[in-house]
Amino acid sequence: MDSFRLGEVEVSRVVEWQGEIVAARTILPGGEPETWRANESWLVPDHWRPDNDNCHGAMQTWVLRSRGKVVLVDTGIGNDRTRPQAPMFDGLRTGFLDRLAEAGVRPEDVDVVVNTHLHYDHVGWNTRGSDGGWEPTFPNATYLIPRADKEYFDPGNAHRRPAPRSEHERVRLEGSHLVYADSVAPVLDRAVLWEGGHRIDDNLVLEPAPGHTPGSTVVRLESGSDRAVFVGDLLHTPVQILEPAHSSCFCEDPGKAAETRRAVLERAADNRELVVPAHFAGTGVVEIRRDGTKFAISRWV
């Protein structure tokens, strides 16, 4: 568990799982192998394993203490989930709540839960098992859910999405229905379905960042002279900072995701906002700068 302060906001990271995910050529289909090799000196060991080409990543929650409230940004995979779309996490069991307690946070202490989007690895601890069903993990929290994602992933609206064209797409669709049932539907009675933007307090605001999913969100932190942007899954690997045109294999709309990514990175570079992705291992926080039409890493924070 790492903690640091930005202005008056205390930021802590609670890691649920960390390890090898998938091959670089899989997670970033358009990426150039030469880019990985040219940056091996700093991609290894936190972000890439060159001998088998696997990317490293983390499933983690960012805890923000701001204006007397405890805010969680994303809630990871969760325990005991059926996840056909991600076999390596099917039935996962971790000590996440114990690690959250080590950060000084009990479930009842949480005031706000932000789901940057509704993929399985961002909503899992929204709920926990109870008498054969699912109940909210954070009983006193308001869950902030982008309306666009609620509508997109709601199984009742499945007819609005393109029919699966492959077994892989069919499994992903089935998996998204399971995620909705165990991690989204049980908290809707305490959720705010926001659109267009949502301010949490004077330090924190949610803004739409579509592409990865229709409702993908960034969380902007501005406190005193400090700035940060929690970008969710706009970035899966640091190579996307160097090659922002390349979206991950998990993006629902890769073209729109690339457009959004560039806009967010431009603002971060120009305003010296720290960039905080959802899945970076290592220190997990990075400062960037412009490098011609692309971007470069100034420092890991």
C-alpha atoms as a PDB file:
ATOM      1  CA  MET A   1       0.000   0.000   0.000  1.00  0.00           C
ATOM      2  CA  ASP A   2       1.472   3.334  -1.146  1.00  0.00           C
ATOM      3  CA  SER A   3       0.286   6.770  -0.004  1.00  0.00           C
ATOM      4  CA  PHE A   4       1.088  10.340  -1.006  1.00  0.00           C
ATOM      5  CA  ARG A   5      -0.560  13.735  -0.825  1.00  0.00           C
ATOM      6  CA  LEU A   6      -1.728  16.077  -3.576  1.00  0.00           C
ATOM      7  CA  GLY A   7      -2.774  19.396  -2.125  1.00  0.00           C
ATOM      8  CA  GLU A   8      -5.204  18.544   0.647  1.00  0.00           C
ATOM      9  CA  VAL A   9      -6.087  15.136  -0.834  1.00  0.00           C
ATOM     10  CA  GLU A  10      -4.437  11.993   0.518  1.00  0.00           C
ATOM     11  CA  VAL A  11      -4.058   9.293  -2.132  1.00  0.00           C
ATOM     12  CA  SER A  12      -3.491   5.617  -1.317  1.00  0.00           C
ATOM     13  CA  ARG A  13      -3.176   2.639  -3.624  1.00  0.00           C
ATOM     14  CA  VAL A  14      -4.542  -0.758  -2.586  1.00  0.00           C
ATOM     15  CA  VAL A  15      -3.441  -3.595  -4.870  1.00  0.00           C
ATOM     16  CA  GLU A  16      -5.780  -6.560  -5.295  1.00  0.00           C
ATOM     17  CA  TRP A  17      -3.652  -8.580  -7.749  1.00  0.00           C
ATOM     18  CA  GLN A  18      -0.423  -8.070  -9.680  1.00  0.00           C
ATOM     19  CA  GLY A  19       1.310 -10.194 -12.297  1.00  0.00           C
ATOM     20  CA  GLU A  20       1.550 -11.146 -15.952  1.00  0.00           C
ATOM     21  CA  ILE A  21      -1.599 -10.504 -17.983  1.00  0.00           C
ATOM     22  CA  VAL A  22      -1.297 -11.223 -21.712  1.00  0.00           C
ATOM     23  CA  ALA A  23       1.295 -10.880 -24.460  1.00  0.00           C
ATOM     24  CA  ALA A  24       2.250  -7.382 -25.595  1.00  0.00           C
ATOM     25  CA  ARG A  25       1.160  -8.144 -29.153  1.00  0.00           C
ATOM     26  CA  THR A  26      -2.245  -9.203 -27.792  1.00  0.00           C
ATOM     27  CA  ILE A  27      -2.943  -6.321 -25.434  1.00  0.00           C
ATOM     28  CA  LEU A  28      -1.748  -3.728 -27.968  1.00  0.00           C
ATOM     29  CA  PRO A  29      -2.469  -5.173 -31.415  1.00  0.00           C
ATOM     30  CA  GLY A  30      -1.244  -2.114 -33.315  1.00  0.00           C
ATOM     31  CA  GLY A  31       1.887  -1.563 -31.252  1.00  0.00           C
ATOM     32  CA  GLU A  32       5.306  -1.813 -32.811  1.00  0.00           C
ATOM     33  CA  PRO A  33       7.557  -4.558 -31.347  1.00  0.00           C
ATOM     34  CA  GLU A  34      10.523  -2.222 -31.882  1.00  0.00           C
ATOM     35  CA  THR A  35       9.041   0.242 -29.384  1.00  0.00           C
ATOM     36  CA  TRP A  36       8.973  -2.378 -26.640  1.00  0.00           C
ATOM     37  CA  ARG A  37      12.553  -3.427 -27.355  1.00  0.00           C
ATOM     38  CA  ALA A  38      13.851   0.157 -27.589  1.00  0.00           C
ATOM     39  CA  ASN A  39      12.430   0.910 -24.126  1.00  0.00           C
ATOM     40  CA  GLU A  40      13.298  -2.388 -22.462  1.00  0.00           C
ATOM     41  CA  SER A  41      15.616  -0.687 -19.950  1.00  0.00           C
ATOM     42  CA  TRP A  42      12.672   0.833 -18.085  1.00  0.00           C
ATOM     43  CA  LEU A  43       9.739  -1.361 -19.149  1.00  0.00           C
ATOM     44  CA  VAL A  44      11.433  -4.300 -17.406  1.00  0.00           C
ATOM     45  CA  PRO A  45      10.557  -5.595 -14.847  1.00  0.00           C
ATOM     46  CA  ASP A  46       7.474  -3.605 -13.857  1.00  0.00           C
ATOM     47  CA  HIS A  47       5.652  -3.526 -17.194  1.00  0.00           C
ATOM     48  CA  TRP A  48       7.037  -6.184 -19.547  1.00  0.00           C
ATOM     49  CA  ARG A  49       8.792  -9.529 -19.572  1.00  0.00           C
ATOM     50  CA  PRO A  50      10.734  -9.755 -22.855  1.00  0.00           C
ATOM     51  CA  ASP A  51      11.512 -13.476 -22.789  1.00  0.00           C
ATOM     52  CA  ASN A  52       7.839 -14.409 -23.187  1.00  0.00           C
ATOM     53  CA  ASP A  53       6.529 -10.989 -24.348  1.00  0.00           C
ATOM     54  CA  ASN A  54       4.013 -10.814 -21.488  1.00  0.00           C
ATOM     55  CA  CYS A  55       2.754  -7.521 -20.097  1.00  0.00           C
ATOM     56  CA  HIS A  56       2.687  -6.974 -16.356  1.00  0.00           C
ATOM     57  CA  GLY A  57      -0.165  -5.155 -14.723  1.00  0.00           C
ATOM     58  CA  ALA A  58      -2.086  -4.635 -11.515  1.00  0.00           C
ATOM     59  CA  MET A  59      -5.693  -4.699 -10.411  1.00  0.00           C
ATOM     60  CA  GLN A  60      -5.946  -1.948  -7.833  1.00  0.00           C
ATOM     61  CA  THR A  61      -8.114   0.635  -6.149  1.00  0.00           C
ATOM     62  CA  TRP A  62      -7.144   4.235  -5.553  1.00  0.00           C
ATOM     63  CA  VAL A  63      -8.367   5.610  -2.219  1.00  0.00           C
ATOM     64  CA  LEU A  64      -8.850   9.371  -2.087  1.00  0.00           C
ATOM     65  CA  ARG A  65      -9.447  11.148   1.209  1.00  0.00           C
ATOM     66  CA  SER A  66     -10.886  14.527   0.332  1.00  0.00           C
ATOM     67  CA  ARG A  67     -12.923  17.053   2.305  1.00  0.00           C
ATOM     68  CA  GLY A  68     -13.630  14.551   5.063  1.00  0.00           C
ATOM     69  CA  LYS A  69     -14.845  11.817   2.714  1.00  0.00           C
ATOM     70  CA  VAL A  70     -13.381   8.514   1.595  1.00  0.00           C
ATOM     71  CA  VAL A  71     -13.624   7.990  -2.162  1.00  0.00           C
ATOM     72  CA  LEU A  72     -12.701   4.740  -3.925  1.00  0.00           C
ATOM     73  CA  VAL A  73     -11.754   4.887  -7.598  1.00  0.00           C
ATOM     74  CA  ASP A  74     -12.635   1.455  -9.056  1.00  0.00           C
ATOM     75  CA  THR A  75     -13.098  -1.721  -7.050  1.00  0.00           C
ATOM     76  CA  GLY A  76     -11.187  -4.446  -8.890  1.00  0.00           C
ATOM     77  CA  ILE A  77     -12.235  -8.018  -9.640  1.00  0.00           C
ATOM     78  CA  GLY A  78     -13.858  -9.233  -6.437  1.00  0.00           C
ATOM     79  CA  ASN A  79     -13.943 -12.667  -4.845  1.00  0.00           C
ATOM     80  CA  ASP A  80     -15.772 -15.767  -6.059  1.00  0.00           C
ATOM     81  CA  ARG A  81     -16.911 -14.409  -9.423  1.00  0.00           C
ATOM     82  CA  THR A  82     -17.777 -16.442 -12.493  1.00  0.00           C
ATOM     83  CA  ARG A  83     -15.752 -14.809 -15.256  1.00  0.00           C
ATOM     84  CA  PRO A  84     -15.728 -16.852 -18.490  1.00  0.00           C
ATOM     85  CA  GLN A  85     -14.272 -13.873 -20.347  1.00  0.00           C
ATOM     86  CA  ALA A  86     -11.194 -13.887 -18.057  1.00  0.00           C
ATOM     87  CA  PRO A  87     -10.367 -17.473 -17.004  1.00  0.00           C
ATOM     88  CA  MET A  88      -7.296 -16.416 -15.021  1.00  0.00           C
ATOM     89  CA  PHE A  89      -9.581 -14.439 -12.688  1.00  0.00           C
ATOM     90  CA  ASP A  90     -12.465 -16.909 -12.601  1.00  0.00           C
ATOM     91  CA  GLY A  91     -13.173 -17.741  -8.957  1.00  0.00           C
ATOM     92  CA  LEU A  92     -10.407 -15.421  -7.732  1.00  0.00           C
ATOM     93  CA  ARG A  93      -9.976 -15.057  -3.977  1.00  0.00           C
ATOM     94  CA  THR A  94      -7.757 -12.359  -2.486  1.00  0.00           C
ATOM     95  CA  GLY A  95      -7.371 -10.492   0.798  1.00  0.00           C
ATOM     96  CA  PHE A  96      -8.424  -7.188  -0.742  1.00  0.00           C
ATOM     97  CA  LEU A  97     -10.601  -6.072   2.161  1.00  0.00           C
ATOM     98  CA  ASP A  98      -7.760  -6.810   4.576  1.00  0.00           C
ATOM     99  CA  ARG A  99      -5.447  -4.664   2.459  1.00  0.00           C
ATOM    100  CA  LEU A 100      -8.058  -1.923   2.406  1.00  0.00           C
ATOM    101  CA  ALA A 101      -8.134  -2.133   6.212  1.00  0.00           C
ATOM    102  CA  GLU A 102      -4.348  -1.751   6.251  1.00  0.00           C
ATOM    103  CA  ALA A 103      -4.941   1.550   4.447  1.00  0.00           C
ATOM    104  CA  GLY A 104      -7.229   2.541   7.312  1.00  0.00           C
ATOM    105  CA  VAL A 105     -10.504   1.985   5.484  1.00  0.00           C
ATOM    106  CA  ARG A 106     -13.339  -0.272   6.652  1.00  0.00           C
ATOM    107  CA  PRO A 107     -16.215  -0.944   4.237  1.00  0.00           C
ATOM    108  CA  GLU A 108     -18.558   1.211   6.312  1.00  0.00           C
ATOM    109  CA  ASP A 109     -16.105   4.141   6.118  1.00  0.00           C
ATOM    110  CA  VAL A 110     -16.462   4.557   2.350  1.00  0.00           C
ATOM    111  CA  ASP A 111     -18.596   7.516   1.273  1.00  0.00           C
ATOM    112  CA  VAL A 112     -18.248   7.387  -2.524  1.00  0.00           C
ATOM    113  CA  VAL A 113     -17.403   4.614  -5.005  1.00  0.00           C
ATOM    114  CA  VAL A 114     -16.411   5.689  -8.511  1.00  0.00           C
ATOM    115  CA  ASN A 115     -16.641   3.090 -11.256  1.00  0.00           C
ATOM    116  CA  THR A 116     -14.673   4.619 -14.123  1.00  0.00           C
ATOM    117  CA  HIS A 117     -16.452   2.096 -16.352  1.00  0.00           C
ATOM    118  CA  LEU A 118     -18.289  -1.200 -15.998  1.00  0.00           C
ATOM    119  CA  HIS A 119     -15.749  -3.808 -17.092  1.00  0.00           C
ATOM    120  CA  TYR A 120     -15.384  -6.742 -14.699  1.00  0.00           C
ATOM    121  CA  ASP A 121     -12.048  -5.594 -13.231  1.00  0.00           C
ATOM    122  CA  HIS A 122     -13.381  -2.209 -12.132  1.00  0.00           C
ATOM    123  CA  VAL A 123     -16.618  -3.161 -10.352  1.00  0.00           C
ATOM    124  CA  GLY A 124     -15.957  -6.485  -8.610  1.00  0.00           C
ATOM    125  CA  TRP A 125     -15.774  -5.279  -5.033  1.00  0.00           C
ATOM    126  CA  ASN A 126     -18.896  -3.178  -5.484  1.00  0.00           C
ATOM    127  CA  THR A 127     -20.508  -6.221  -3.887  1.00  0.00           C
ATOM    128  CA  ARG A 128     -19.702  -9.293  -1.831  1.00  0.00           C
ATOM    129  CA  GLY A 129     -21.457 -12.635  -1.407  1.00  0.00           C
ATOM    130  CA  SER A 130     -24.336 -12.880   1.039  1.00  0.00           C
ATOM    131  CA  ASP A 131     -26.677 -15.871   1.567  1.00  0.00           C
ATOM    132  CA  GLY A 132     -26.202 -17.098  -1.962  1.00  0.00           C
ATOM    133  CA  GLY A 133     -26.621 -13.632  -3.468  1.00  0.00           C
ATOM    134  CA  TRP A 134     -24.781 -10.316  -3.593  1.00  0.00           C
ATOM    135  CA  GLU A 135     -24.950  -7.260  -1.347  1.00  0.00           C
ATOM    136  CA  PRO A 136     -23.140  -3.894  -1.485  1.00  0.00           C
ATOM    137  CA  THR A 137     -19.679  -4.150   0.044  1.00  0.00           C
ATOM    138  CA  PHE A 138     -19.761  -0.484   1.069  1.00  0.00           C
ATOM    139  CA  PRO A 139     -23.129  -0.029   2.801  1.00  0.00           C
ATOM    140  CA  ASN A 140     -22.899   3.720   3.341  1.00  0.00           C
ATOM    141  CA  ALA A 141     -21.492   4.666  -0.059  1.00  0.00           C
ATOM    142  CA  THR A 142     -22.989   6.378  -3.058  1.00  0.00           C
ATOM    143  CA  TYR A 143     -21.927   4.560  -6.221  1.00  0.00           C
ATOM    144  CA  LEU A 144     -21.160   6.869  -9.147  1.00  0.00           C
ATOM    145  CA  ILE A 145     -21.827   5.010 -12.402  1.00  0.00           C
ATOM    146  CA  PRO A 146     -21.722   6.527 -15.901  1.00  0.00           C
ATOM    147  CA  ARG A 147     -25.205   6.299 -17.354  1.00  0.00           C
ATOM    148  CA  ALA A 148     -23.849   5.474 -20.816  1.00  0.00           C
ATOM    149  CA  ASP A 149     -22.201   2.315 -19.472  1.00  0.00           C
ATOM    150  CA  LYS A 150     -25.245   1.303 -17.450  1.00  0.00           C
ATOM    151  CA  GLU A 151     -27.338   1.466 -20.597  1.00  0.00           C
ATOM    152  CA  TYR A 152     -24.709  -0.256 -22.756  1.00  0.00           C
ATOM    153  CA  PHE A 153     -24.067  -3.211 -20.424  1.00  0.00           C
ATOM    154  CA  ASP A 154     -27.623  -3.693 -19.146  1.00  0.00           C
ATOM    155  CA  PRO A 155     -28.644  -7.160 -20.427  1.00  0.00           C
ATOM    156  CA  GLY A 156     -32.083  -5.743 -21.138  1.00  0.00           C
ATOM    157  CA  ASN A 157     -30.473  -3.620 -23.843  1.00  0.00           C
ATOM    158  CA  ALA A 158     -28.398  -6.424 -25.395  1.00  0.00           C
ATOM    159  CA  HIS A 159     -30.456  -6.199 -28.585  1.00  0.00           C
ATOM    160  CA  ARG A 160     -28.937  -2.744 -29.204  1.00  0.00           C
ATOM    161  CA  ARG A 161     -25.427  -4.193 -29.431  1.00  0.00           C
ATOM    162  CA  PRO A 162     -24.054  -5.991 -32.511  1.00  0.00           C
ATOM    163  CA  ALA A 163     -24.627  -9.738 -32.488  1.00  0.00           C
ATOM    164  CA  PRO A 164     -21.501 -11.727 -31.539  1.00  0.00           C
ATOM    165  CA  ARG A 165     -19.483 -12.645 -34.636  1.00  0.00           C
ATOM    166  CA  SER A 166     -17.267 -15.215 -32.947  1.00  0.00           C
ATOM    167  CA  GLU A 167     -17.117 -17.522 -29.938  1.00  0.00           C
ATOM    168  CA  HIS A 168     -14.792 -15.010 -28.258  1.00  0.00           C
ATOM    169  CA  GLU A 169     -17.369 -12.225 -28.667  1.00  0.00           C
ATOM    170  CA  ARG A 170     -20.150 -14.509 -27.426  1.00  0.00           C
ATOM    171  CA  VAL A 171     -18.167 -15.318 -24.263  1.00  0.00           C
ATOM    172  CA  ARG A 172     -17.445 -11.620 -23.685  1.00  0.00           C
ATOM    173  CA  LEU A 173     -21.149 -10.784 -23.990  1.00  0.00           C
ATOM    174  CA  GLU A 174     -22.136 -13.597 -21.629  1.00  0.00           C
ATOM    175  CA  GLY A 175     -19.472 -12.453 -19.199  1.00  0.00           C
ATOM    176  CA  SER A 176     -20.679  -8.852 -19.253  1.00  0.00           C
ATOM    177  CA  HIS A 177     -24.184 -10.055 -18.314  1.00  0.00           C
ATOM    178  CA  LEU A 178     -22.747 -11.922 -15.316  1.00  0.00           C
ATOM    179  CA  VAL A 179     -20.798  -8.809 -14.249  1.00  0.00           C
ATOM    180  CA  TYR A 180     -23.924  -6.708 -14.448  1.00  0.00           C
ATOM    181  CA  ALA A 181     -25.892  -9.217 -12.357  1.00  0.00           C
ATOM    182  CA  ASP A 182     -23.369  -9.682  -9.548  1.00  0.00           C
ATOM    183  CA  SER A 183     -21.566  -6.313  -9.389  1.00  0.00           C
ATOM    184  CA  VAL A 184     -23.816  -3.613 -10.877  1.00  0.00           C
ATOM    185  CA  ALA A 185     -27.509  -4.423 -10.410  1.00  0.00           C
ATOM    186  CA  PRO A 186     -27.205  -4.930  -6.616  1.00  0.00           C
ATOM    187  CA  VAL A 187     -25.975  -1.349  -6.091  1.00  0.00           C
ATOM    188  CA  LEU A 188     -28.257   0.532  -8.480  1.00  0.00           C
ATOM    189  CA  ASP A 189     -30.624   1.526  -5.690  1.00  0.00           C
ATOM    190  CA  ARG A 190     -27.803   3.566  -4.144  1.00  0.00           C
ATOM    191  CA  ALA A 191     -26.194   4.730  -7.385  1.00  0.00           C
ATOM    192  CA  VAL A 192     -26.064   8.070  -9.141  1.00  0.00           C
ATOM    193  CA  LEU A 193     -26.181   7.556 -12.907  1.00  0.00           C
ATOM    194  CA  TRP A 194     -24.355  10.622 -14.131  1.00  0.00           C
ATOM    195  CA  GLU A 195     -23.778  12.025 -17.603  1.00  0.00           C
ATOM    196  CA  GLY A 196     -21.975  15.052 -18.965  1.00  0.00           C
ATOM    197  CA  GLY A 197     -19.872  15.480 -15.824  1.00  0.00           C
ATOM    198  CA  HIS A 198     -20.181  15.149 -12.068  1.00  0.00           C
ATOM    199  CA  ARG A 199     -18.452  17.042  -9.274  1.00  0.00           C
ATOM    200  CA  ILE A 200     -17.717  15.079  -6.109  1.00  0.00           C
ATOM    201  CA  ASP A 201     -16.309  18.028  -4.163  1.00  0.00           C
ATOM    202  CA  ASP A 202     -14.080  21.067  -4.631  1.00  0.00           C
ATOM    203  CA  ASN A 203     -11.098  18.809  -5.386  1.00  0.00           C
ATOM    204  CA  LEU A 204     -12.571  16.013  -7.496  1.00  0.00           C
ATOM    205  CA  VAL A 205     -14.632  15.952 -10.676  1.00  0.00           C
ATOM    206  CA  LEU A 206     -15.668  13.213 -13.114  1.00  0.00           C
ATOM    207  CA  GLU A 207     -15.498  13.816 -16.861  1.00  0.00           C
ATOM    208  CA  PRO A 208     -16.571  11.619 -19.791  1.00  0.00           C
ATOM    209  CA  ALA A 209     -13.706   9.916 -21.655  1.00  0.00           C
ATOM    210  CA  PRO A 210     -15.483   7.606 -24.122  1.00  0.00           C
ATOM    211  CA  GLY A 211     -13.988   4.930 -26.320  1.00  0.00           C
ATOM    212  CA  HIS A 212     -12.746   2.168 -24.077  1.00  0.00           C
ATOM    213  CA  THR A 213     -16.430   1.877 -23.186  1.00  0.00           C
ATOM    214  CA  PRO A 214     -19.205   4.340 -24.061  1.00  0.00           C
ATOM    215  CA  GLY A 215     -19.196   5.708 -20.521  1.00  0.00           C
ATOM    216  CA  SER A 216     -15.495   5.556 -19.691  1.00  0.00           C
ATOM    217  CA  THR A 217     -14.537   8.224 -17.194  1.00  0.00           C
ATOM    218  CA  VAL A 218     -11.538  10.153 -15.950  1.00  0.00           C
ATOM    219  CA  VAL A 219     -11.330  11.560 -12.423  1.00  0.00           C
ATOM    220  CA  ARG A 220      -9.626  14.933 -12.243  1.00  0.00           C
ATOM    221  CA  LEU A 221      -7.993  16.061  -9.014  1.00  0.00           C
ATOM    222  CA  GLU A 222      -7.131  19.724  -8.527  1.00  0.00           C
ATOM    223  CA  SER A 223      -6.068  20.822  -5.071  1.00  0.00           C
ATOM    224  CA  GLY A 224      -3.838  23.800  -4.413  1.00  0.00           C
ATOM    225  CA  SER A 225      -1.119  23.730  -7.061  1.00  0.00           C
ATOM    226  CA  ASP A 226      -1.330  19.944  -7.536  1.00  0.00           C
ATOM    227  CA  ARG A 227      -3.044  18.246 -10.467  1.00  0.00           C
ATOM    228  CA  ALA A 228      -3.699  14.604 -11.333  1.00  0.00           C
ATOM    229  CA  VAL A 229      -5.938  12.672 -13.682  1.00  0.00           C
ATOM    230  CA  PHE A 230      -7.033   9.118 -12.929  1.00  0.00           C
ATOM    231  CA  VAL A 231      -7.449   7.794 -16.461  1.00  0.00           C
ATOM    232  CA  GLY A 232      -8.934   4.350 -15.871  1.00  0.00           C
ATOM    233  CA  ASP A 233      -8.306   2.152 -18.909  1.00  0.00           C
ATOM    234  CA  LEU A 234      -7.317   4.868 -21.358  1.00  0.00           C
ATOM    235  CA  LEU A 235      -3.874   3.373 -20.746  1.00  0.00           C
ATOM    236  CA  HIS A 236      -3.135  -0.316 -20.200  1.00  0.00           C
ATOM    237  CA  THR A 237       0.624  -0.081 -20.790  1.00  0.00           C
ATOM    238  CA  PRO A 238       3.163   2.774 -20.783  1.00  0.00           C
ATOM    239  CA  VAL A 239       3.816   2.047 -24.474  1.00  0.00           C
ATOM    240  CA  GLN A 240       0.498   3.803 -25.153  1.00  0.00           C
ATOM    241  CA  ILE A 241       2.069   7.014 -23.860  1.00  0.00           C
ATOM    242  CA  LEU A 242       4.783   6.643 -26.495  1.00  0.00           C
ATOM    243  CA  GLU A 243       2.296   5.463 -29.156  1.00  0.00           C
ATOM    244  CA  PRO A 244      -1.066   7.022 -28.201  1.00  0.00           C
ATOM    245  CA  ALA A 245      -2.756   6.026 -31.471  1.00  0.00           C
ATOM    246  CA  HIS A 246      -2.790   2.365 -30.413  1.00  0.00           C
ATOM    247  CA  SER A 247      -5.758   1.197 -28.349  1.00  0.00           C
ATOM    248  CA  SER A 248      -5.876  -1.984 -26.314  1.00  0.00           C
ATOM    249  CA  CYS A 249      -7.624  -5.166 -27.362  1.00  0.00           C
ATOM    250  CA  PHE A 250     -10.192  -4.489 -24.622  1.00  0.00           C
ATOM    251  CA  CYS A 251     -11.548  -1.241 -26.112  1.00  0.00           C
ATOM    252  CA  GLU A 252     -15.139  -1.258 -27.305  1.00  0.00           C
ATOM    253  CA  ASP A 253     -14.398   1.553 -29.804  1.00  0.00           C
ATOM    254  CA  PRO A 254     -10.624   1.639 -30.478  1.00  0.00           C
ATOM    255  CA  GLY A 255     -10.759   4.700 -32.726  1.00  0.00           C
ATOM    256  CA  LYS A 256     -12.683   6.808 -30.244  1.00  0.00           C
ATOM    257  CA  ALA A 257     -10.457   5.563 -27.419  1.00  0.00           C
ATOM    258  CA  ALA A 258      -7.353   6.746 -29.293  1.00  0.00           C
ATOM    259  CA  GLU A 259      -8.904  10.170 -29.886  1.00  0.00           C
ATOM    260  CA  THR A 260      -9.815  10.509 -26.209  1.00  0.00           C
ATOM    261  CA  ARG A 261      -6.409   9.262 -25.083  1.00  0.00           C
ATOM    262  CA  ARG A 262      -4.588  11.901 -27.094  1.00  0.00           C
ATOM    263  CA  ALA A 263      -6.780  14.697 -25.737  1.00  0.00           C
ATOM    264  CA  VAL A 264      -6.294  13.581 -22.120  1.00  0.00           C
ATOM    265  CA  LEU A 265      -2.522  13.168 -22.532  1.00  0.00           C
ATOM    266  CA  GLU A 266      -2.200  16.574 -24.221  1.00  0.00           C
ATOM    267  CA  ARG A 267      -3.919  18.262 -21.295  1.00  0.00           C
ATOM    268  CA  ALA A 268      -1.832  16.288 -18.793  1.00  0.00           C
ATOM    269  CA  ALA A 269       1.411  17.258 -20.510  1.00  0.00           C
ATOM    270  CA  ASP A 270       0.471  20.918 -20.882  1.00  0.00           C
ATOM    271  CA  ASN A 271      -0.863  21.299 -17.325  1.00  0.00           C
ATOM    272  CA  ARG A 272       1.653  19.017 -15.583  1.00  0.00           C
ATOM    273  CA  GLU A 273      -1.089  16.726 -14.364  1.00  0.00           C
ATOM    274  CA  LEU A 274       0.126  13.460 -12.911  1.00  0.00           C
ATOM    275  CA  VAL A 275      -1.297  10.551 -14.904  1.00  0.00           C
ATOM    276  CA  VAL A 276      -2.709   7.693 -12.821  1.00  0.00           C
ATOM    277  CA  PRO A 277      -3.818   4.670 -14.891  1.00  0.00           C
ATOM    278  CA  ALA A 278      -5.872   1.855 -13.455  1.00  0.00           C
ATOM    279  CA  HIS A 279      -3.513  -1.013 -14.216  1.00  0.00           C
ATOM    280  CA  PHE A 280       0.102   0.156 -14.169  1.00  0.00           C
ATOM    281  CA  ALA A 281       2.324  -1.894 -11.899  1.00  0.00           C
ATOM    282  CA  GLY A 282       5.486  -0.413 -10.401  1.00  0.00           C
ATOM    283  CA  THR A 283       4.910   3.027  -8.938  1.00  0.00           C
ATOM    284  CA  GLY A 284       1.703   3.368 -10.945  1.00  0.00           C
ATOM    285  CA  VAL A 285       1.887   7.170 -11.319  1.00  0.00           C
ATOM    286  CA  VAL A 286       3.684   9.042 -14.087  1.00  0.00           C
ATOM    287  CA  GLU A 287       4.405  12.578 -15.256  1.00  0.00           C
ATOM    288  CA  ILE A 288       4.587  13.063 -19.020  1.00  0.00           C
ATOM    289  CA  ARG A 289       5.708  15.685 -21.538  1.00  0.00           C
ATOM    290  CA  ARG A 290       5.161  16.303 -25.216  1.00  0.00           C
ATOM    291  CA  ASP A 291       7.627  14.699 -27.604  1.00  0.00           C
ATOM    292  CA  GLY A 292       6.790  16.019 -31.054  1.00  0.00           C
ATOM    293  CA  THR A 293       3.429  14.529 -32.016  1.00  0.00           C
ATOM    294  CA  LYS A 294       3.766  11.899 -29.293  1.00  0.00           C
ATOM    295  CA  PHE A 295       4.548  11.936 -25.589  1.00  0.00           C
ATOM    296  CA  ALA A 296       7.429  10.902 -23.369  1.00  0.00           C
ATOM    297  CA  ILE A 297       7.786  10.025 -19.723  1.00  0.00           C
ATOM    298  CA  SER A 298       9.333  12.748 -17.574  1.00  0.00           C
ATOM    299  CA  ARG A 299       9.406  10.761 -14.337  1.00  0.00           C
ATOM    300  CA  TRP A 300       7.753   8.029 -12.354  1.00  0.00           C
ATOM    301  CA  VAL A 301       6.288   9.402  -9.169  1.00  0.00           C
END
